[in-house]
Protein backbone atom coordinates (compact mmCIF):
# COMPACT_ATOMS: atom_id res chain seq x y z
CA UNK A 1 -21.01 -21.26 -5.45
CA UNK A 2 -17.69 -22.82 -4.29
CA UNK A 3 -17.80 -27.05 -4.04
CA UNK A 4 -21.33 -27.20 -4.33
CA UNK A 5 -21.90 -24.86 -0.91
CA UNK A 6 -22.91 -21.44 -1.02
CA UNK A 7 -20.24 -18.97 -0.16
CA UNK A 8 -21.87 -16.90 3.05
CA UNK A 9 -19.53 -14.05 3.81
CA UNK A 10 -18.79 -13.78 7.46
CA UNK A 11 -17.54 -11.10 9.91
CA UNK A 12 -14.17 -9.49 8.83
CA UNK A 13 -11.55 -6.70 10.86
CA UNK A 14 -9.61 -4.52 8.51
CA UNK A 15 -6.57 -2.57 10.37
CA UNK A 16 -6.16 0.77 8.89
CA UNK A 17 -9.95 1.07 8.13
CA UNK A 18 -9.77 4.78 8.17
CA UNK A 19 -6.69 5.14 5.36
CA UNK A 20 -6.75 5.56 2.01
CA UNK A 21 -6.55 1.62 0.95
CA UNK A 22 -8.31 0.51 4.05
CA UNK A 23 -11.40 2.50 3.17
CA UNK A 24 -11.74 1.46 -0.49
CA UNK A 25 -10.88 -2.19 1.06
CA UNK A 26 -14.01 -1.73 3.96
CA UNK A 27 -16.47 -0.53 0.92
CA UNK A 28 -15.67 -3.10 -1.51
CA UNK A 29 -15.99 -5.63 1.42
CA UNK A 30 -19.28 -4.50 2.35
CA UNK A 31 -20.40 -4.80 -1.27
CA UNK A 32 -19.96 -8.60 -1.15
CA UNK A 33 -22.01 -8.79 1.92
CA UNK A 34 -19.20 -8.91 4.75
CA UNK A 35 -19.81 -7.34 8.12
CA UNK A 36 -16.80 -5.24 8.35
CA UNK A 37 -15.39 -4.07 11.54
CA UNK A 38 -12.79 -1.40 11.56
CA UNK A 39 -9.62 -1.14 13.68
CA UNK A 40 -8.53 2.40 14.37
CA UNK A 41 -7.40 4.62 17.23
CA UNK A 42 -9.48 6.86 19.06
CA UNK A 43 -7.44 9.45 18.05
CA UNK A 44 -7.82 8.64 14.22
CA UNK A 45 -9.50 10.71 11.32
CA UNK A 46 -12.65 8.94 10.15
CA UNK A 47 -13.15 11.15 7.40
CA UNK A 48 -12.57 8.62 4.88
CA UNK A 49 -15.19 6.48 6.53
CA UNK A 50 -17.99 9.03 6.09
CA UNK A 51 -20.71 6.77 4.25
CA UNK A 52 -19.16 3.38 4.76
CA UNK A 53 -21.39 1.49 7.09
CA UNK A 54 -18.62 -0.37 9.39
CA UNK A 55 -18.34 -0.93 12.53
CA UNK A 56 -15.50 0.62 14.32
CA UNK A 57 -13.70 -0.96 16.93
CA UNK A 58 -11.12 1.28 18.70
CA UNK A 59 -7.43 0.23 19.86
CA UNK A 60 -3.69 0.84 19.08
CA UNK A 61 -2.24 -2.49 17.77
CA UNK A 62 1.59 -1.11 18.14
CA UNK A 63 0.64 -1.09 22.12
CA UNK A 64 2.02 -3.85 23.91
CA UNK A 65 -0.66 -3.53 26.39
CA UNK A 66 -3.46 -3.25 23.76
CA UNK A 67 -4.13 -7.31 24.02
CA UNK A 68 -7.52 -6.79 25.77
CA UNK A 69 -8.55 -4.41 23.08
CA UNK A 70 -7.24 -6.42 20.00
CA UNK A 71 -8.91 -9.50 21.19
CA UNK A 72 -12.41 -8.08 21.68
CA UNK A 73 -12.08 -6.45 18.07
CA UNK A 74 -11.21 -9.68 16.75
CA UNK A 75 -14.14 -11.69 18.49
CA UNK A 76 -16.28 -13.72 16.25
CA UNK A 77 -13.87 -12.36 13.66
CA UNK A 78 -12.86 -15.00 10.47
CA UNK A 79 -10.45 -13.00 8.38
CA UNK A 80 -7.97 -9.94 9.55
CA UNK A 81 -7.05 -7.68 6.93
CA UNK A 82 -4.03 -5.98 8.12
CA UNK A 83 -3.42 -2.80 5.76
CA UNK A 84 -2.52 -0.22 8.40
CA UNK A 85 1.35 0.89 8.57
CA UNK A 86 3.75 3.47 9.92
CA UNK A 87 4.41 5.31 6.23
CA UNK A 88 7.46 7.31 5.42
CA UNK A 89 7.49 10.46 7.36
CA UNK A 90 10.61 12.62 7.69
CA UNK A 91 11.02 14.14 11.59
CA UNK A 92 9.53 10.88 12.77
CA UNK A 93 12.25 8.75 14.78
CA UNK A 94 13.29 4.96 13.32
CA UNK A 95 12.12 3.16 16.31
CA UNK A 96 8.45 4.29 15.45
CA UNK A 97 8.34 2.36 12.00
CA UNK A 98 9.47 -0.64 13.95
CA UNK A 99 6.90 -0.08 16.71
CA UNK A 100 4.26 0.07 14.18
CA UNK A 101 5.05 -2.28 11.33
CA UNK A 102 7.07 -5.08 13.24
CA UNK A 103 5.72 -5.23 16.86
CA UNK A 104 2.52 -3.88 16.02
CA UNK A 105 2.29 -6.78 13.28
CA UNK A 106 3.36 -8.94 16.20
CA UNK A 107 0.73 -8.03 18.33
CA UNK A 108 -2.12 -8.44 15.88
CA UNK A 109 -0.59 -12.14 15.08
CA UNK A 110 -0.50 -13.37 18.47
CA UNK A 111 -4.23 -11.64 19.00
CA UNK A 112 -5.65 -13.45 16.11
CA UNK A 113 -4.01 -16.70 16.68
CA UNK A 114 -5.47 -16.53 20.46
CA UNK A 115 -8.57 -15.57 18.64
CA UNK A 116 -8.83 -18.52 16.42
CA UNK A 117 -9.20 -16.29 13.48
CA UNK A 118 -9.41 -18.28 10.41
CA UNK A 119 -7.42 -16.42 8.00
CA UNK A 120 -4.69 -13.53 8.00
CA UNK A 121 -4.13 -11.34 5.32
CA UNK A 122 -0.85 -9.34 5.87
CA UNK A 123 -0.17 -5.99 3.36
CA UNK A 124 3.48 -5.83 2.71
CA UNK A 125 4.75 -3.89 0.05
CA UNK A 126 7.04 -4.13 -3.29
CA UNK A 127 9.50 -1.99 -1.60
CA UNK A 128 10.80 -5.07 0.59
CA UNK A 129 12.48 -6.20 -3.01
CA UNK A 130 13.69 -2.50 -3.52
CA UNK A 131 15.50 -1.52 -6.86
CA UNK A 132 14.46 -4.52 -9.32
CA UNK A 133 17.69 -5.60 -11.17
CA UNK A 134 15.80 -7.73 -13.76
CA UNK A 135 12.34 -6.26 -14.26
CA UNK A 136 9.70 -7.40 -13.92
CA UNK A 137 10.69 -8.95 -10.48
CA UNK A 138 8.17 -12.04 -9.41
CA UNK A 139 7.40 -12.44 -5.92
CA UNK A 140 10.93 -14.44 -5.67
CA UNK A 141 13.17 -11.78 -6.44
CA UNK A 142 15.46 -10.83 -3.61
CA UNK A 143 14.87 -8.75 -1.07
CA UNK A 144 16.56 -5.13 -1.11
CA UNK A 145 15.02 -2.69 1.28
CA UNK A 146 16.17 0.98 0.87
CA UNK A 147 14.98 2.88 4.00
CA UNK A 148 13.71 1.85 7.49
CA UNK A 149 10.25 2.01 6.10
CA UNK A 150 11.17 -0.67 3.70
CA UNK A 151 12.94 -2.48 6.39
CA UNK A 152 10.60 -2.50 8.81
CA UNK A 153 8.04 -3.62 6.50
CA UNK A 154 9.90 -6.42 5.39
CA UNK A 155 10.74 -7.67 8.88
CA UNK A 156 7.05 -7.51 9.74
CA UNK A 157 6.35 -9.59 6.40
CA UNK A 158 8.66 -12.24 7.29
CA UNK A 159 7.48 -12.39 10.92
CA UNK A 160 4.04 -12.84 9.48
CA UNK A 161 5.07 -15.85 7.04
CA UNK A 162 7.09 -17.29 10.23
CA UNK A 163 4.01 -17.29 12.12
CA UNK A 164 1.98 -18.97 9.44
CA UNK A 165 4.32 -21.61 8.82
CA UNK A 166 5.24 -22.34 12.60
CA UNK A 167 1.51 -22.68 13.75
CA UNK A 168 0.25 -24.08 10.34
CA UNK A 169 -2.17 -21.16 10.26
CA UNK A 170 -3.99 -19.98 7.04
CA UNK A 171 -2.26 -16.76 6.51
CA UNK A 172 -1.29 -14.97 3.08
CA UNK A 173 0.84 -11.86 2.20
CA UNK A 174 0.07 -9.20 -0.56
CA UNK A 175 2.77 -7.02 -1.95
CA UNK A 176 0.52 -3.68 -3.84
CA UNK A 177 2.72 -1.68 -6.50
CA UNK A 178 2.22 1.91 -6.10
CA UNK A 179 -0.99 2.73 -5.33
CA UNK A 180 -3.33 5.48 -6.54
CA UNK A 181 -6.99 6.66 -7.42
CA UNK A 182 -9.38 9.36 -6.19
CA UNK A 183 -8.38 10.29 -2.68
CA UNK A 184 -4.65 9.19 -2.56
CA UNK A 185 -2.47 12.23 -1.14
CA UNK A 186 0.81 10.64 -2.20
CA UNK A 187 0.81 11.12 -6.12
CA UNK A 188 -1.20 14.33 -5.77
CA UNK A 189 2.05 16.29 -5.72
CA UNK A 190 2.90 14.61 -9.39
CA UNK A 191 -0.21 15.60 -11.02
CA UNK A 192 -0.11 19.02 -9.61
CA UNK A 193 3.26 19.82 -10.83
CA UNK A 194 2.71 18.41 -14.21
CA UNK A 195 -1.00 20.19 -14.27
CA UNK A 196 0.96 23.61 -13.40
CA UNK A 197 3.81 23.06 -15.96
CA UNK A 198 6.40 22.79 -13.24
CA UNK A 199 7.17 19.01 -12.78
CA UNK A 200 11.03 18.29 -13.58
CA UNK A 201 12.23 14.87 -14.65
CA UNK A 202 15.55 13.97 -13.01
CA UNK A 203 17.60 11.68 -15.04
CA UNK A 204 16.65 9.79 -18.30
CA UNK A 205 13.33 9.15 -17.12
CA UNK A 206 13.69 5.75 -18.75
CA UNK A 207 13.37 3.82 -15.59
CA UNK A 208 10.58 1.54 -15.11
CA UNK A 209 7.44 2.37 -12.74
CA UNK A 210 4.62 0.04 -11.85
CA UNK A 211 0.88 1.17 -10.34
CA UNK A 212 -2.30 0.14 -9.35
CA UNK A 213 -5.89 1.59 -9.31
CA UNK A 214 -6.92 1.41 -5.63
CA UNK A 215 -10.49 -0.22 -6.59
CA UNK A 216 -8.18 -3.05 -8.51
CA UNK A 217 -5.82 -3.11 -5.28
CA UNK A 218 -9.20 -3.62 -3.04
CA UNK A 219 -10.54 -6.41 -5.18
CA UNK A 220 -7.32 -8.43 -5.43
CA UNK A 221 -6.72 -8.13 -1.47
CA UNK A 222 -10.23 -9.63 -0.91
CA UNK A 223 -9.41 -12.55 -3.37
CA UNK A 224 -6.27 -13.23 -1.31
CA UNK A 225 -8.38 -13.43 1.92
CA UNK A 226 -10.94 -15.79 0.28
CA UNK A 227 -9.29 -18.29 -2.40
CA UNK A 228 -8.27 -21.41 -1.08
CA UNK A 229 -5.15 -21.46 -3.54
CA UNK A 230 -3.85 -18.01 -1.65
CA UNK A 231 -2.96 -19.79 1.83
CA UNK A 232 0.90 -19.76 2.31
CA UNK A 233 1.32 -17.65 -0.73
CA UNK A 234 2.72 -14.22 -1.41
CA UNK A 235 1.45 -12.30 -4.21
CA UNK A 236 2.08 -9.25 -6.08
CA UNK A 237 -0.89 -7.06 -6.53
CA UNK A 238 -0.69 -4.45 -9.62
CA UNK A 239 -1.98 -2.75 -12.90
CA UNK A 240 -1.96 -4.94 -15.93
CA UNK A 241 0.72 -2.52 -17.28
CA UNK A 242 4.36 -0.77 -16.04
CA UNK A 243 5.85 2.13 -18.24
CA UNK A 244 8.95 4.35 -18.19
CA UNK A 245 8.78 7.16 -16.06
CA UNK A 246 8.82 9.47 -19.33
CA UNK A 247 5.57 7.59 -20.21
CA UNK A 248 3.91 7.92 -17.12
CA UNK A 249 4.30 11.61 -16.77
CA UNK A 250 2.86 11.98 -20.60
CA UNK A 251 -0.36 10.13 -19.79
CA UNK A 252 -0.67 11.97 -16.57
CA UNK A 253 -0.69 14.92 -18.81
CA UNK A 254 -3.18 13.44 -21.07
CA UNK A 255 -5.38 12.60 -18.24
CA UNK A 256 -5.23 16.42 -16.98
CA UNK A 257 -5.31 17.90 -20.77
CA UNK A 258 -2.45 19.83 -20.69
CA UNK A 259 1.22 19.60 -22.70
CA UNK A 260 3.55 16.85 -21.32
CA UNK A 261 6.59 17.75 -19.29
CA UNK A 262 9.87 17.96 -21.50
CA UNK A 263 12.70 19.43 -19.45
CA UNK A 264 15.43 16.91 -18.16
CA UNK A 265 17.57 17.66 -15.30
CA UNK A 266 21.28 16.06 -13.63
CA UNK A 267 19.99 13.93 -10.66
CA UNK A 268 23.30 14.12 -8.50
CA UNK A 269 22.44 17.68 -7.70
CA UNK A 270 19.24 16.94 -6.05
CA UNK A 271 20.80 13.90 -4.27
CA UNK A 272 23.13 16.02 -2.88
CA UNK A 273 20.95 19.07 -1.93
CA UNK A 274 19.08 16.33 -0.41
CA UNK A 275 21.82 14.82 1.71
CA UNK A 276 22.52 18.67 3.10
CA UNK A 277 19.06 19.24 3.75
CA UNK A 278 18.71 15.74 5.79
CA UNK A 279 21.86 16.63 7.80
CA UNK A 280 20.48 19.89 8.47
CA UNK A 281 16.72 19.34 9.34
CA UNK A 282 16.63 15.76 10.77
CA UNK A 283 18.54 16.36 14.02
CA UNK A 284 15.95 19.51 14.36
CA UNK A 285 12.97 17.18 13.43
CA UNK A 286 12.19 19.39 10.65
CA UNK A 287 10.66 18.24 7.28
CA UNK A 288 13.36 18.63 4.74
CA UNK A 289 12.38 20.36 1.54
CA UNK A 290 14.01 17.93 -0.39
CA UNK A 291 15.30 14.43 0.37
CA UNK A 292 17.69 11.42 -1.00
CA UNK A 293 14.51 9.17 -1.20
CA UNK A 294 12.43 11.15 -3.48
CA UNK A 295 15.84 10.60 -5.88
CA UNK A 296 14.65 7.28 -5.82
CA UNK A 297 11.59 7.61 -7.83
CA UNK A 298 13.88 8.80 -10.42
CA UNK A 299 16.35 6.29 -10.75
CA UNK A 300 15.26 2.74 -9.53
CA UNK A 301 13.29 0.19 -11.75
CA UNK A 302 10.13 -0.68 -10.14
CA UNK A 303 8.09 -3.15 -12.37
CA UNK A 304 6.39 -6.49 -11.35
CA UNK A 305 5.05 -9.70 -12.51
CA UNK A 306 1.72 -10.15 -11.38
CA UNK A 307 1.01 -13.45 -13.37
CA UNK A 308 1.00 -15.65 -10.11
CA UNK A 309 -2.26 -13.45 -8.63
CA UNK A 310 -3.81 -13.88 -12.02
CA UNK A 311 -3.21 -17.53 -12.05
CA UNK A 312 -3.69 -18.64 -8.41
CA UNK A 313 -6.30 -15.69 -7.55
CA UNK A 314 -8.12 -15.19 -10.76
CA UNK A 315 -7.13 -11.58 -10.11
CA UNK A 316 -7.63 -9.33 -13.19
CA UNK A 317 -7.21 -5.66 -13.11
CA UNK A 318 -10.46 -3.97 -14.42
CA UNK A 319 -9.16 -0.31 -14.79
CA UNK A 320 -6.47 0.17 -17.40
CA UNK A 321 -3.49 2.88 -16.52
CA UNK A 322 -5.28 5.66 -18.60
CA UNK A 323 -8.69 5.20 -17.53
CA UNK A 324 -7.69 5.31 -13.95
CA UNK A 325 -5.29 8.31 -14.24
CA UNK A 326 -7.94 10.05 -15.98
CA UNK A 327 -10.49 9.13 -13.05
CA UNK A 328 -7.73 10.69 -10.52
CA UNK A 329 -7.11 13.47 -12.07
CA UNK A 330 -10.86 14.47 -12.58
CA UNK A 331 -11.13 13.68 -8.91
CA UNK A 332 -8.41 16.41 -8.08
CA UNK A 333 -9.64 18.72 -9.94
CA UNK A 334 -13.41 18.32 -8.87
CA UNK A 335 -11.72 18.50 -5.06
CA UNK A 336 -10.05 21.93 -5.92
CA UNK A 337 -6.86 20.00 -5.38
CA UNK A 338 -4.79 20.84 -8.93
CA UNK A 339 -3.79 24.58 -7.94
C-alpha cells in the first residue's frame, strides 16, 4: 500500500533478459506480479530463461535501424530496465563496446521517451569509478575508468543522466559491485582454482573487494524501479560488507571445504607477461592467455558505501557473504563446474 493506493504491478521491459543478471531480475519481477517482456536478439542463447515465464520480444538495440522493433517492444510498458551490455571480451574491437554500451543506450533512451515509458532504470557499473582512492566510495566519488569497457559504460551512464535531466524524465542509474551467484561464469575461475589448490595471490592481497549476491542485486534494481525517492539518483548496489582479497579467498575456501591458499607472488612479472601477450595476440584477434586488466583485480581497491541505497530505497541485502559464497560453491559443485 502506497499513499493509500494499492500498488498494481504493470508491464516492464528488461534488456539482456537472457543474461546472468537479467534472468534473475526477470524472475524477481515475475514473483512480484509484473508482466515481463524480455528484449533479446534472435540469435541469443535463451537457456537461462528456461522455466521463467516472460514474453520474449526480439530486437537489437545496438542497431541504429532497430527503432521500429524497440518501439514495438516498449508498447504499453511502464518501466524499462536496461541491463544488457557488451562486457569485457578480448579480441573484440573497441568500437563494439561503444556501439552497444553508448550508441545502444541512446537508441533505447530515444525509443523509451517516444513510447512514453514512465521510468527508465539504467544499469551502469562501479567500474566507472575505477581504482578507489579513499574506500569505501560513495556515488559522488570521482570517475576513473580503466579500460574501454568502463569508458563506454561511463559515457552510457552520462548519456542516460543527461537524458533524464534535459527531458525531465523519471530515470535512475544503478551501479552494481562485483556480481556473483549460481549461474555466474566470471567468478567461477576463482572458485575452481581455490578448489583445485591452484589459486595464486599476486601482490599482498590486502586490497579491498566488494561483492553482491545476484538475488540481492535483482531486489535492489527493482526498488530503483519502484521507489519515488529513486528518481534522478545514482545508487551503488552491493553486499553488506567488503573484505580484503586475502579474506575473500579464505572464505571461498571455507565455502568449498578446502584449505585456504597461502602463496603470494609478485605482481610485476604477470603485468609484463600480460603486456607481451596483448601485443602479440590482439593483432591476431586471439584471446591472450593473460592480460594486464586481470592484474587490476589484485592491485586496485574496490570497496563501496551502500548507505544511500539503504536510506532512500530501503535496500537491505538478505544474503551475507558467507551464505552467498556457500550457495554459489554448492551450485558449481552440483553442476560439475569445479573440476
